[in-house]
Amino acid sequence: MTDLSRRTLLLAGGASLGLAACGNGVGSNGAAKIDARVDATRSYMLRNFTSSQQLLDKSVGVLYMPLMTEAGFGVGGAFGRGALRINNVTVDYYSAASASFGFQIGAQQYAHALFFMTEKALADFRRADGWELGADARYALPDHGAAIGTDTTTTLAPVVVQVFGQSGLIVGASLAGTKYTRILP
């Protein structure tokens, strides 16, 4: 790889991560701001995706990530902050970050919620220094208010991820590989 292409790759990666941090108020999100965003996200989700209430009723905790900003051009990144709620009370704050490499171009923002369906899944998440979304999660992608899959298979998964509120366009990137870390807002 030549120096020029290495520099281009590093600049593209830096720009992608910089764009991912924009709009998330890196360094300026206090607890009150995160909680306000989580309240709005939860209300939006329940209002627009009514089957989310079924997941909420069966879950032991939910991590809401109200605003994830993702950008990529070969190298990509995403960042957001949110709150873990048990019985709709915030117990911890988390950041989510991901990096990716490959065929991808574009930028988008979205929200997602991780529904912890078992006490063990929630305890493992809270105990970890940094938790990476893995194969034990099921994805429920609502489509314009349509019901998400809340059948027995989905609700027996330890963690169910619901992604919603997407705006923008990115090709070739995914939520897989996102790392969640406890933060002090």
Protein backbone atom coordinates (compact mmCIF):
# COMPACT_ATOMS: atom_id res chain seq x y z
CA MET A 1 0.00 0.00 0.00
CA THR A 2 1.46 3.38 -0.93
CA ASP A 3 1.77 6.31 1.46
CA LEU A 4 -0.87 8.20 -0.48
CA SER A 5 -3.46 5.43 -0.20
CA ARG A 6 -2.62 4.91 3.50
CA ARG A 7 -3.12 8.63 4.13
CA THR A 8 -6.36 8.59 2.17
CA LEU A 9 -7.58 5.61 4.19
CA LEU A 10 -6.64 7.26 7.49
CA LEU A 11 -8.26 10.56 6.50
CA ALA A 12 -11.43 8.80 5.37
CA GLY A 13 -11.57 6.87 8.63
CA GLY A 14 -10.97 9.99 10.70
CA ALA A 15 -13.61 11.91 8.78
CA SER A 16 -16.09 9.04 9.18
CA LEU A 17 -15.56 8.86 12.92
CA GLY A 18 -15.72 12.65 13.18
CA LEU A 19 -19.03 12.69 11.33
CA ALA A 20 -20.29 9.90 13.55
CA ALA A 21 -19.54 12.02 16.60
CA CYS A 22 -21.31 15.08 15.16
CA GLY A 23 -24.93 15.36 16.12
CA ASN A 24 -24.38 13.30 19.23
CA GLY A 25 -22.97 16.22 21.20
CA VAL A 26 -19.84 14.35 22.24
CA GLY A 27 -18.65 15.91 25.46
CA SER A 28 -21.85 17.87 26.03
CA ASN A 29 -24.39 15.17 26.90
CA GLY A 30 -25.30 15.31 30.54
CA ALA A 31 -27.62 12.89 32.28
CA ALA A 32 -30.64 15.16 31.86
CA LYS A 33 -30.09 15.45 28.11
CA ILE A 34 -29.65 11.70 27.66
CA ASP A 35 -32.75 10.99 29.77
CA ALA A 36 -34.81 13.49 27.75
CA ARG A 37 -33.71 11.82 24.50
CA VAL A 38 -34.47 8.37 25.93
CA ASP A 39 -37.96 9.51 27.00
CA ALA A 40 -38.67 10.86 23.51
CA THR A 41 -37.27 7.71 21.86
CA ARG A 42 -39.31 5.39 24.08
CA SER A 43 -42.49 7.37 23.37
CA TYR A 44 -41.79 7.36 19.63
CA MET A 45 -41.12 3.62 19.62
CA LEU A 46 -44.29 2.75 21.57
CA ARG A 47 -46.44 5.12 19.51
CA ASN A 48 -45.18 4.00 16.09
CA PHE A 49 -44.42 0.33 16.70
CA THR A 50 -47.17 -0.86 19.00
CA SER A 51 -45.83 -4.42 19.19
CA SER A 52 -42.82 -2.97 21.04
CA GLN A 53 -45.05 -2.94 24.13
CA GLN A 54 -45.06 -6.77 24.07
CA LEU A 55 -41.26 -6.84 24.14
CA LEU A 56 -41.19 -4.19 26.85
CA ASP A 57 -43.64 -6.16 29.00
CA LYS A 58 -41.56 -9.35 28.73
CA SER A 59 -38.13 -7.74 29.14
CA VAL A 60 -36.25 -7.30 32.41
CA GLY A 61 -34.44 -4.18 31.18
CA VAL A 62 -34.01 -2.03 28.08
CA LEU A 63 -31.00 -0.11 26.81
CA TYR A 64 -32.23 2.80 24.71
CA MET A 65 -29.81 4.41 22.26
CA PRO A 66 -31.80 7.41 21.03
CA LEU A 67 -29.36 8.76 18.46
CA MET A 68 -26.71 6.74 16.70
CA THR A 69 -24.80 8.55 13.98
CA GLU A 70 -23.03 6.37 11.46
CA ALA A 71 -20.85 7.33 8.51
CA GLY A 72 -18.59 5.41 6.22
CA PHE A 73 -16.52 5.60 3.10
CA GLY A 74 -14.54 2.37 3.02
CA VAL A 75 -13.82 2.84 6.72
CA GLY A 76 -16.83 3.61 8.87
CA GLY A 77 -17.80 4.40 12.38
CA ALA A 78 -20.83 4.98 14.55
CA PHE A 79 -21.35 6.56 17.95
CA GLY A 80 -24.19 7.28 20.33
CA ARG A 81 -25.13 7.55 23.98
CA GLY A 82 -28.08 6.18 25.87
CA ALA A 83 -29.47 4.82 29.11
CA LEU A 84 -30.24 1.44 30.59
CA ARG A 85 -33.65 1.37 32.21
CA ILE A 86 -35.13 -1.22 34.54
CA ASN A 87 -38.84 -0.71 35.25
CA ASN A 88 -38.49 2.50 33.22
CA VAL A 89 -36.01 3.95 35.71
CA THR A 90 -32.51 4.86 34.49
CA VAL A 91 -29.89 2.77 36.29
CA ASP A 92 -26.80 3.40 34.08
CA TYR A 93 -25.62 5.38 31.06
CA TYR A 94 -23.81 3.84 28.10
CA SER A 95 -21.99 4.83 24.96
CA ALA A 96 -22.06 2.70 21.84
CA ALA A 97 -19.26 2.76 19.29
CA SER A 98 -18.49 0.71 16.25
CA ALA A 99 -15.94 0.70 13.50
CA SER A 100 -16.08 -1.14 10.22
CA PHE A 101 -14.05 -1.65 7.10
CA GLY A 102 -15.16 -2.82 3.69
CA PHE A 103 -17.59 -1.81 0.99
CA GLN A 104 -19.63 1.01 2.49
CA ILE A 105 -20.50 4.57 1.69
CA GLY A 106 -22.93 7.06 3.16
CA ALA A 107 -24.22 8.35 6.47
CA GLN A 108 -27.30 7.76 8.58
CA GLN A 109 -28.79 8.30 11.99
CA TYR A 110 -31.03 5.86 13.78
CA ALA A 111 -32.24 4.78 17.19
CA HIS A 112 -32.22 1.33 18.68
CA ALA A 113 -33.30 -0.45 21.80
CA LEU A 114 -31.81 -3.61 23.31
CA PHE A 115 -34.45 -5.59 25.17
CA PHE A 116 -32.88 -7.89 27.76
CA MET A 117 -35.25 -10.84 27.92
CA THR A 118 -33.53 -12.75 30.74
CA GLU A 119 -32.06 -11.80 34.10
CA LYS A 120 -28.81 -13.53 33.10
CA ALA A 121 -28.45 -11.49 29.89
CA LEU A 122 -29.04 -8.27 31.83
CA ALA A 123 -26.62 -9.25 34.60
CA ASP A 124 -23.91 -10.22 32.07
CA PHE A 125 -24.36 -6.88 30.31
CA ARG A 126 -24.15 -4.85 33.52
CA ARG A 127 -21.18 -6.81 34.87
CA ALA A 128 -19.04 -6.42 31.73
CA ASP A 129 -16.51 -3.59 31.34
CA GLY A 130 -17.48 -3.35 27.69
CA TRP A 131 -20.09 -5.51 26.03
CA GLU A 132 -20.14 -6.33 22.36
CA LEU A 133 -23.37 -7.12 20.60
CA GLY A 134 -23.06 -10.73 19.56
CA ALA A 135 -24.73 -13.76 18.09
CA ASP A 136 -27.06 -14.17 21.06
CA ALA A 137 -29.08 -11.15 19.94
CA ARG A 138 -32.07 -11.28 17.61
CA TYR A 139 -32.97 -8.35 15.41
CA ALA A 140 -36.50 -7.06 15.08
CA LEU A 141 -36.71 -4.48 12.31
CA PRO A 142 -40.06 -2.71 12.16
CA ASP A 143 -41.18 -1.51 8.74
CA HIS A 144 -43.26 1.67 8.77
CA GLY A 145 -45.26 0.75 11.84
CA ALA A 146 -45.74 -2.90 10.95
CA ALA A 147 -45.55 -5.44 13.72
CA ILE A 148 -42.10 -6.59 14.67
CA GLY A 149 -41.47 -10.27 15.22
CA THR A 150 -42.38 -10.92 18.83
CA ASP A 151 -43.07 -14.62 18.44
CA THR A 152 -41.77 -17.27 20.83
CA THR A 153 -38.47 -17.63 18.99
CA THR A 154 -37.70 -13.93 19.28
CA THR A 155 -38.83 -13.46 22.85
CA LEU A 156 -36.84 -16.48 24.04
CA ALA A 157 -33.62 -14.91 22.73
CA PRO A 158 -31.51 -13.41 25.55
CA VAL A 159 -31.38 -10.01 23.82
CA VAL A 160 -33.70 -8.57 21.17
CA VAL A 161 -32.53 -5.52 19.22
CA GLN A 162 -35.04 -3.18 17.61
CA VAL A 163 -33.67 -0.60 15.15
CA PHE A 164 -35.95 2.25 14.08
CA GLY A 165 -36.13 5.90 13.07
CA GLN A 166 -33.52 5.62 10.32
CA SER A 167 -32.74 8.68 8.26
CA GLY A 168 -30.04 9.02 5.65
CA LEU A 169 -28.54 6.26 3.55
CA ILE A 170 -25.59 4.01 4.10
CA VAL A 171 -24.73 0.94 2.05
CA GLY A 172 -22.81 -1.99 3.49
CA ALA A 173 -22.72 -1.23 7.24
CA SER A 174 -24.52 -3.00 10.08
CA LEU A 175 -25.14 -2.86 13.81
CA ALA A 176 -23.04 -5.98 14.37
CA GLY A 177 -19.80 -5.24 16.15
CA THR A 178 -21.17 -2.41 18.26
CA LYS A 179 -19.49 -2.14 21.66
CA TYR A 180 -21.37 -0.72 24.62
CA THR A 181 -19.46 0.85 27.50
CA ARG A 182 -20.77 2.27 30.78
CA ILE A 183 -20.16 6.02 31.05
CA LEU A 184 -20.58 8.84 33.51
CA PRO A 185 -22.51 11.57 31.67
